[in-house]
Amino acid sequence: MSELSLWQRIKAFFKKPQNPDQPGPTEIKDGIWYRKQPSGDYLLGVDASVFEEIGQITFADFSTNQTELKAGDDLLDLEGDKSVETLKSPLTGTVISRNHELVNDLTNITAVDSATSWIMELAPHK
């Protein structure tokens, strides 16, 4: 009979089983969070660090209407009470949808719930 070390028991206790039906982990790059969905597409949103930098959001608009984005392309223009920023896409892919409701009603842009705070859905290029 093999006993687990204390370290192995601690790791096993905190390790959560991966459920393929759940969205993947959230990654953050240059102020944009992105999360892989079960479909393989990604949801993108504005990370809280951006709000700390620019303050209260007073204006938001999509930088472009392109349907194909490359990593580093302009994604979203934000104006706050401290500064103005243009956020860049962390991924390359095809735009599936943009959350126009979010940029028209800025109250949800800082929401913790990604179901309301996402700004764009993107199908990655393979």
Protein backbone atom coordinates (compact mmCIF):
# COMPACT_ATOMS: atom_id res chain seq x y z
CA MET A 1 0.00 0.00 0.00
CA SER A 2 1.44 3.33 -1.08
CA GLU A 3 0.80 6.35 1.09
CA LEU A 4 0.50 9.78 -0.49
CA SER A 5 2.82 12.43 0.82
CA LEU A 6 1.35 15.44 2.56
CA TRP A 7 2.13 17.56 -0.51
CA GLN A 8 0.36 15.08 -2.84
CA ARG A 9 -2.70 15.06 -0.58
CA ILE A 10 -2.80 18.88 -0.54
CA LYS A 11 -2.49 19.03 -4.34
CA ALA A 12 -5.21 16.40 -4.75
CA PHE A 13 -7.51 18.27 -2.38
CA PHE A 14 -7.25 21.53 -4.33
CA LYS A 15 -7.20 20.06 -7.82
CA LYS A 16 -10.57 20.53 -9.45
CA PRO A 17 -11.63 17.97 -12.05
CA GLN A 18 -11.86 19.42 -15.55
CA ASN A 19 -15.35 19.38 -16.99
CA PRO A 20 -15.31 19.70 -20.80
CA ASP A 21 -18.75 21.36 -20.72
CA GLN A 22 -17.46 24.25 -18.59
CA PRO A 23 -15.72 27.24 -20.15
CA GLY A 24 -11.95 27.14 -20.04
CA PRO A 25 -9.79 29.25 -17.76
CA THR A 26 -9.65 32.98 -18.24
CA GLU A 27 -6.45 34.44 -19.69
CA ILE A 28 -5.55 38.14 -19.64
CA LYS A 29 -3.40 40.04 -22.11
CA ASP A 30 -2.97 43.81 -22.33
CA GLY A 31 -6.20 44.58 -20.47
CA ILE A 32 -8.41 42.08 -22.32
CA TRP A 33 -9.60 38.86 -20.72
CA TYR A 34 -10.42 35.94 -22.98
CA ARG A 35 -11.97 32.59 -22.23
CA LYS A 36 -12.30 29.53 -24.45
CA GLN A 37 -15.87 28.30 -24.70
CA PRO A 38 -16.96 24.66 -25.16
CA SER A 39 -17.54 25.44 -28.86
CA GLY A 40 -13.83 26.34 -29.23
CA ASP A 41 -14.65 30.02 -29.76
CA TYR A 42 -13.48 32.72 -27.36
CA LEU A 43 -15.32 35.39 -25.38
CA LEU A 44 -13.35 38.60 -24.83
CA GLY A 45 -13.91 41.31 -22.25
CA VAL A 46 -12.23 44.22 -20.49
CA ASP A 47 -10.09 43.30 -17.47
CA ALA A 48 -10.51 45.18 -14.18
CA SER A 49 -6.94 46.50 -14.43
CA VAL A 50 -8.08 48.79 -17.27
CA PHE A 51 -10.69 50.43 -15.06
CA GLU A 52 -8.04 51.13 -12.43
CA GLU A 53 -5.94 52.86 -15.11
CA ILE A 54 -8.56 54.97 -16.87
CA GLY A 55 -11.15 55.45 -14.13
CA GLN A 56 -14.89 55.67 -14.66
CA ILE A 57 -15.78 54.66 -18.23
CA THR A 58 -17.59 57.46 -20.05
CA PHE A 59 -17.41 56.16 -23.63
CA ALA A 60 -16.76 52.84 -25.39
CA ASP A 61 -16.85 51.93 -29.07
CA PHE A 62 -15.46 49.25 -31.32
CA SER A 63 -12.33 50.49 -33.09
CA THR A 64 -13.20 48.73 -36.32
CA ASN A 65 -15.94 46.77 -38.03
CA GLN A 66 -13.48 44.26 -39.50
CA THR A 67 -14.61 40.66 -39.45
CA GLU A 68 -11.04 39.31 -39.37
CA LEU A 69 -8.74 40.37 -36.54
CA LYS A 70 -5.07 39.69 -35.96
CA ALA A 71 -3.48 39.69 -32.53
CA GLY A 72 -2.51 43.31 -31.87
CA ASP A 73 -5.27 44.86 -34.01
CA ASP A 74 -7.35 47.64 -32.46
CA LEU A 75 -10.31 46.14 -30.65
CA LEU A 76 -12.05 48.67 -28.42
CA ASP A 77 -11.74 52.41 -27.76
CA LEU A 78 -12.40 53.39 -24.15
CA GLU A 79 -12.60 56.85 -22.64
CA GLY A 80 -12.48 57.31 -18.89
CA ASP A 81 -12.24 60.21 -16.53
CA LYS A 82 -8.44 59.68 -16.27
CA SER A 83 -7.40 58.75 -19.83
CA VAL A 84 -8.32 57.37 -23.23
CA GLU A 85 -7.17 53.90 -24.33
CA THR A 86 -7.40 51.72 -27.42
CA LEU A 87 -7.33 48.08 -26.39
CA LYS A 88 -5.78 45.52 -28.73
CA SER A 89 -6.98 42.04 -29.64
CA PRO A 90 -5.07 39.29 -27.84
CA LEU A 91 -6.07 36.71 -30.48
CA THR A 92 -6.25 36.21 -34.22
CA GLY A 93 -9.60 35.07 -35.57
CA THR A 94 -12.96 35.75 -37.15
CA VAL A 95 -15.44 37.96 -35.31
CA ILE A 96 -18.63 36.02 -34.61
CA SER A 97 -20.41 38.79 -32.74
CA ARG A 98 -19.91 42.08 -30.95
CA ASN A 99 -21.83 43.03 -27.82
CA HIS A 100 -23.25 46.36 -29.01
CA GLU A 101 -25.58 46.48 -26.01
CA LEU A 102 -22.55 46.71 -23.76
CA VAL A 103 -21.04 49.75 -25.49
CA ASN A 104 -24.47 51.43 -25.61
CA ASP A 105 -25.10 50.83 -21.88
CA LEU A 106 -21.79 51.10 -20.01
CA THR A 107 -23.23 49.90 -16.69
CA ASN A 108 -22.43 46.26 -17.54
CA ILE A 109 -18.89 46.78 -18.86
CA THR A 110 -17.43 46.36 -15.37
CA ALA A 111 -19.73 43.47 -14.39
CA VAL A 112 -18.11 40.36 -12.98
CA ASP A 113 -20.55 38.14 -14.90
CA SER A 114 -19.03 37.38 -18.31
CA ALA A 115 -22.53 36.64 -19.63
CA THR A 116 -23.15 40.39 -19.64
CA SER A 117 -19.66 41.92 -19.69
CA TRP A 118 -18.22 40.27 -22.82
CA ILE A 119 -17.35 42.60 -25.68
CA MET A 120 -16.73 40.18 -28.52
CA GLU A 121 -16.93 36.53 -29.52
CA LEU A 122 -14.11 35.34 -31.75
CA ALA A 123 -13.50 32.09 -33.66
CA PRO A 124 -9.74 31.49 -33.57
CA HIS A 125 -7.85 30.76 -36.77
CA LYS A 126 -6.38 27.30 -36.84
